[in-house]
Amino acid sequence: MNIKRKALLLVPGLVIVAVSGLQAPAATAVAKIDGTLQSDTTRSIAPYFTPATASKKTPNAEGFIQRWLLLEPINKPTRTNTIFTDSYLRAAFATEYFPNQFTVIPKDGEKVKVGVQELAWHALESTNFNVKLFRFADGLKKQTYGVLFWAVTIINSPREMKNVRMAVGSNAASIWWVNGKEALLLSGDRRMVMDDGVSTRLTLNKGNNVIRGAVINGPGMSDFCVRFLDEKGEPIKDITISYK
């Protein structure tokens, strides 16, 4: 796999797309994942996710954000991740898939219509530092390859924080926005590596800050991780995370 590392400023929002070289039948009674057989009747998003709660939530010990609103995968047929150039991604992420996609703060369980698909938002907390989108889709018995995921979360900062950077890793390509302004674009066929892309310096406002992203993948194990770094490069942990 050729991994192209590139971070650019983009437009408000976040999108992630994933592609894998593995081809799987469109429908099957049994799915083979990571060398294990899993029946359709037992597939679940546990133990990778738990339902989000209203309790106070801070980043983990390394500063990673684990509470997210995730939209079920949008069908985005893609045979290879090598097409994820900057121009392709900008066009894919600028496409309107559902109303108000760059501004909406969705509610848990809210549904949107994308073409013939009816997709639901899920308020979840990842049990790992990274958000395993493949497991999310598979556990809900949704398409896992040739997909586009949307993610939203709200960061509450106790004060204005200047000169911070957004650090992201994603599989495969993704785009991220902070308060409606594009912060980072990760292009190319890449594996999820923490802090693979880092934004230019930005400001977190005192109070609520809306983080939005999109991840796109063809064949592959889609996932992402996000944290913020202070001006010294240390993870920011004195913030709280909400989904509403």
Protein backbone atom coordinates (compact mmCIF):
# COMPACT_ATOMS: atom_id res chain seq x y z
CA MET A 1 0.00 0.00 0.00
CA ASN A 2 1.35 3.38 -0.92
CA ILE A 3 0.74 5.85 1.87
CA LYS A 4 0.58 9.51 0.89
CA ARG A 5 0.75 11.91 3.78
CA LYS A 6 -0.76 15.30 3.15
CA ALA A 7 -2.53 17.84 5.31
CA LEU A 8 -4.37 20.76 3.74
CA LEU A 9 -6.96 23.30 4.86
CA LEU A 10 -10.48 22.50 3.60
CA VAL A 11 -14.08 23.70 3.81
CA PRO A 12 -16.27 23.30 6.92
CA GLY A 13 -17.14 19.70 7.72
CA LEU A 14 -15.65 16.29 8.04
CA VAL A 15 -15.88 13.30 5.76
CA ILE A 16 -14.20 9.90 5.75
CA VAL A 17 -14.16 7.32 2.98
CA ALA A 18 -12.71 3.80 3.14
CA VAL A 19 -11.68 1.31 0.50
CA SER A 20 -10.29 -2.20 0.82
CA GLY A 21 -8.68 -4.62 -1.57
CA LEU A 22 -10.86 -7.36 -0.13
CA GLN A 23 -14.03 -8.22 -1.97
CA ALA A 24 -16.94 -9.60 0.05
CA PRO A 25 -20.29 -10.98 -1.13
CA ALA A 26 -23.12 -8.45 -0.99
CA ALA A 27 -25.09 -10.72 1.29
CA THR A 28 -23.95 -13.72 3.28
CA ALA A 29 -25.23 -15.72 6.22
CA VAL A 30 -21.81 -15.81 7.79
CA ALA A 31 -19.12 -13.10 7.78
CA LYS A 32 -15.42 -13.78 8.29
CA ILE A 33 -13.69 -10.93 10.08
CA ASP A 34 -10.14 -10.91 11.44
CA GLY A 35 -9.92 -14.67 11.07
CA THR A 36 -13.09 -15.40 13.05
CA LEU A 37 -16.47 -16.53 11.86
CA GLN A 38 -19.40 -14.45 12.98
CA SER A 39 -23.05 -15.26 12.42
CA ASP A 40 -25.39 -12.51 11.23
CA THR A 41 -27.49 -13.19 14.33
CA THR A 42 -24.60 -12.45 16.71
CA ARG A 43 -22.94 -9.48 14.99
CA SER A 44 -22.89 -6.44 17.23
CA ILE A 45 -21.04 -3.15 17.71
CA ALA A 46 -20.01 -4.42 21.15
CA PRO A 47 -17.30 -4.56 22.47
CA TYR A 48 -16.06 -1.68 20.28
CA PHE A 49 -18.78 0.80 21.27
CA THR A 50 -21.14 1.60 24.12
CA PRO A 51 -24.14 3.96 23.98
CA ALA A 52 -23.19 7.57 24.77
CA THR A 53 -24.55 8.95 28.03
CA ALA A 54 -25.23 12.40 29.43
CA SER A 55 -22.48 12.02 32.03
CA LYS A 56 -19.34 14.15 31.92
CA LYS A 57 -16.86 12.80 29.38
CA THR A 58 -13.26 13.90 28.94
CA PRO A 59 -10.63 12.68 26.44
CA ASN A 60 -8.75 9.52 27.38
CA ALA A 61 -5.31 9.54 29.00
CA GLU A 62 -3.68 10.34 25.64
CA GLY A 63 -6.18 13.05 24.74
CA PHE A 64 -8.23 11.09 22.19
CA ILE A 65 -11.91 11.92 21.66
CA GLN A 66 -14.09 8.84 22.09
CA ARG A 67 -17.68 10.21 22.13
CA TRP A 68 -19.16 10.71 18.65
CA LEU A 69 -22.37 10.88 16.68
CA LEU A 70 -21.85 8.50 13.75
CA LEU A 71 -24.04 8.21 10.66
CA GLU A 72 -24.58 4.77 9.20
CA PRO A 73 -22.41 4.35 6.08
CA ILE A 74 -23.37 6.03 2.83
CA ASN A 75 -22.94 3.78 -0.18
CA LYS A 76 -20.00 5.14 -2.21
CA PRO A 77 -18.82 2.40 -4.61
CA THR A 78 -15.03 2.54 -4.87
CA ARG A 79 -12.86 -0.25 -6.27
CA THR A 80 -9.53 1.18 -5.18
CA ASN A 81 -8.29 3.79 -2.72
CA THR A 82 -5.65 5.03 -5.14
CA ILE A 83 -8.23 7.44 -6.59
CA PHE A 84 -8.29 9.49 -3.38
CA THR A 85 -6.49 12.50 -4.77
CA ASP A 86 -7.09 15.99 -3.40
CA SER A 87 -9.36 16.91 -6.33
CA TYR A 88 -11.41 13.69 -6.06
CA LEU A 89 -11.85 14.09 -2.32
CA ARG A 90 -12.82 17.74 -2.49
CA ALA A 91 -15.54 16.89 -5.01
CA ALA A 92 -16.71 13.88 -2.97
CA PHE A 93 -16.82 15.80 0.31
CA ALA A 94 -18.48 18.87 -1.22
CA THR A 95 -21.37 16.78 -2.56
CA GLU A 96 -24.59 17.24 -0.59
CA TYR A 97 -25.71 13.80 0.59
CA PHE A 98 -28.37 14.96 3.06
CA PRO A 99 -29.83 18.36 4.06
CA ASN A 100 -27.69 20.68 6.20
CA GLN A 101 -24.85 18.16 6.38
CA PHE A 102 -22.27 20.87 7.13
CA THR A 103 -24.26 22.53 9.91
CA VAL A 104 -26.62 20.01 11.51
CA ILE A 105 -26.13 18.80 15.07
CA PRO A 106 -27.94 15.47 14.73
CA LYS A 107 -29.88 13.73 17.48
CA ASP A 108 -29.29 10.14 18.51
CA GLY A 109 -31.60 7.95 16.42
CA GLU A 110 -32.44 10.72 13.94
CA LYS A 111 -32.75 9.45 10.37
CA VAL A 112 -31.77 11.01 7.07
CA LYS A 113 -32.47 10.05 3.49
CA VAL A 114 -29.48 9.62 1.16
CA GLY A 115 -30.77 8.55 -2.25
CA VAL A 116 -32.58 5.26 -1.66
CA GLN A 117 -30.88 4.76 1.71
CA GLU A 118 -32.48 5.66 5.03
CA LEU A 119 -29.66 6.06 7.53
CA ALA A 120 -29.65 6.67 11.28
CA TRP A 121 -27.34 8.63 13.55
CA HIS A 122 -25.91 6.82 16.59
CA ALA A 123 -24.50 8.51 19.71
CA LEU A 124 -21.67 6.23 20.80
CA GLU A 125 -18.54 6.03 22.88
CA SER A 126 -15.59 4.12 21.49
CA THR A 127 -13.97 1.69 23.90
CA ASN A 128 -10.66 2.22 22.08
CA PHE A 129 -8.65 5.36 21.35
CA ASN A 130 -9.67 4.97 17.71
CA VAL A 131 -13.20 4.83 16.33
CA LYS A 132 -13.59 1.54 14.46
CA LEU A 133 -15.95 2.44 11.63
CA PHE A 134 -15.66 -0.99 10.00
CA ARG A 135 -16.89 -2.60 13.25
CA PHE A 136 -19.64 0.02 13.53
CA ALA A 137 -20.94 -0.79 10.05
CA ASP A 138 -20.49 -4.55 10.35
CA GLY A 139 -22.11 -4.69 13.77
CA LEU A 140 -25.18 -2.93 12.40
CA LYS A 141 -25.20 -5.28 9.40
CA LYS A 142 -24.47 -2.41 7.02
CA GLN A 143 -22.18 -2.17 4.01
CA THR A 144 -18.50 -2.18 5.06
CA TYR A 145 -16.65 -1.50 1.78
CA GLY A 146 -17.12 1.36 -0.66
CA VAL A 147 -18.50 3.64 2.03
CA LEU A 148 -18.55 7.20 3.32
CA PHE A 149 -18.99 7.95 7.03
CA TRP A 150 -19.96 11.23 8.72
CA ALA A 151 -19.01 12.01 12.32
CA VAL A 152 -19.93 14.89 14.64
CA THR A 153 -19.01 15.76 18.21
CA ILE A 154 -19.04 18.82 20.46
CA ILE A 155 -16.02 19.91 22.47
CA ASN A 156 -16.58 22.19 25.45
CA SER A 157 -13.50 24.23 26.34
CA PRO A 158 -13.23 25.93 29.77
CA ARG A 159 -11.42 28.89 28.15
CA GLU A 160 -10.31 30.17 24.78
CA MET A 161 -7.39 28.06 23.59
CA LYS A 162 -5.18 29.58 20.90
CA ASN A 163 -2.46 27.97 18.78
CA VAL A 164 -3.82 24.44 19.17
CA ARG A 165 -3.61 21.81 16.44
CA MET A 166 -6.02 19.09 15.42
CA ALA A 167 -4.22 15.74 15.03
CA VAL A 168 -5.95 13.00 13.03
CA GLY A 169 -5.31 9.51 11.74
CA SER A 170 -7.74 7.80 9.34
CA ASN A 171 -8.22 4.76 7.14
CA ALA A 172 -8.62 5.68 4.40
CA ALA A 173 -9.01 9.35 3.42
CA SER A 174 -10.82 11.98 5.46
CA ILE A 175 -11.65 15.64 5.94
CA TRP A 176 -12.27 17.55 9.17
CA TRP A 177 -13.83 20.85 10.19
CA VAL A 178 -13.71 22.86 13.41
CA ASN A 179 -16.57 25.30 13.95
CA GLY A 180 -17.45 25.21 10.27
CA LYS A 181 -13.95 25.88 8.99
CA GLU A 182 -11.91 23.26 7.22
CA ALA A 183 -9.02 22.19 9.42
CA LEU A 184 -7.48 19.15 7.76
CA LEU A 185 -7.59 16.94 4.66
CA LEU A 186 -5.95 13.51 4.64
CA SER A 187 -5.73 12.25 1.06
CA GLY A 188 -4.47 9.06 -0.58
CA ASP A 189 -4.61 5.40 0.37
CA ARG A 190 -3.50 5.34 4.00
CA ARG A 191 -3.63 3.31 7.16
CA MET A 192 -4.83 4.76 10.43
CA VAL A 193 -1.80 6.10 12.32
CA MET A 194 -2.23 8.44 15.27
CA ASP A 195 -1.36 12.07 14.47
CA ASP A 196 -0.82 11.14 10.81
CA GLY A 197 -2.06 14.59 9.83
CA VAL A 198 -1.84 17.77 11.89
CA SER A 199 -3.68 21.01 11.14
CA THR A 200 -2.27 24.50 11.11
CA ARG A 201 -2.70 26.42 14.38
CA LEU A 202 -6.31 27.17 15.27
CA THR A 203 -8.41 28.43 18.16
CA LEU A 204 -10.88 26.54 20.33
CA ASN A 205 -13.51 28.95 21.59
CA LYS A 206 -14.55 29.11 25.22
CA GLY A 207 -17.67 26.96 25.42
CA ASN A 208 -18.91 24.69 22.65
CA ASN A 209 -16.89 23.86 19.52
CA VAL A 210 -18.41 21.67 16.80
CA ILE A 211 -16.10 19.06 15.27
CA ARG A 212 -17.26 17.48 12.03
CA GLY A 213 -15.59 14.93 9.83
CA ALA A 214 -16.05 12.58 6.93
CA VAL A 215 -14.14 9.39 6.17
CA ILE A 216 -14.18 7.56 2.85
CA ASN A 217 -12.94 4.06 2.07
CA GLY A 218 -13.19 1.50 -0.67
CA PRO A 219 -11.79 -1.84 0.44
CA GLY A 220 -10.32 -1.78 3.94
CA MET A 221 -10.83 -1.56 7.69
CA SER A 222 -12.17 1.97 8.12
CA ASP A 223 -11.38 3.84 11.34
CA PHE A 224 -10.11 7.17 12.67
CA CYS A 225 -8.66 8.86 15.74
CA VAL A 226 -8.77 12.54 16.71
CA ARG A 227 -7.18 14.64 19.43
CA PHE A 228 -6.06 18.23 19.98
CA LEU A 229 -2.51 19.29 20.82
CA ASP A 230 -1.51 22.47 22.65
CA GLU A 231 1.16 24.88 21.41
CA LYS A 232 3.83 22.69 23.06
CA GLY A 233 2.57 19.58 21.26
CA GLU A 234 1.02 18.06 24.38
CA PRO A 235 -2.45 16.43 24.26
CA ILE A 236 -5.27 18.68 25.51
CA LYS A 237 -7.28 16.85 28.15
CA ASP A 238 -9.06 19.56 30.18
CA ILE A 239 -12.04 19.67 27.81
CA THR A 240 -15.35 17.84 27.94
CA ILE A 241 -17.15 16.04 25.11
CA SER A 242 -20.87 16.02 24.36
CA TYR A 243 -23.13 14.85 21.56
CA LYS A 244 -25.83 17.49 22.09
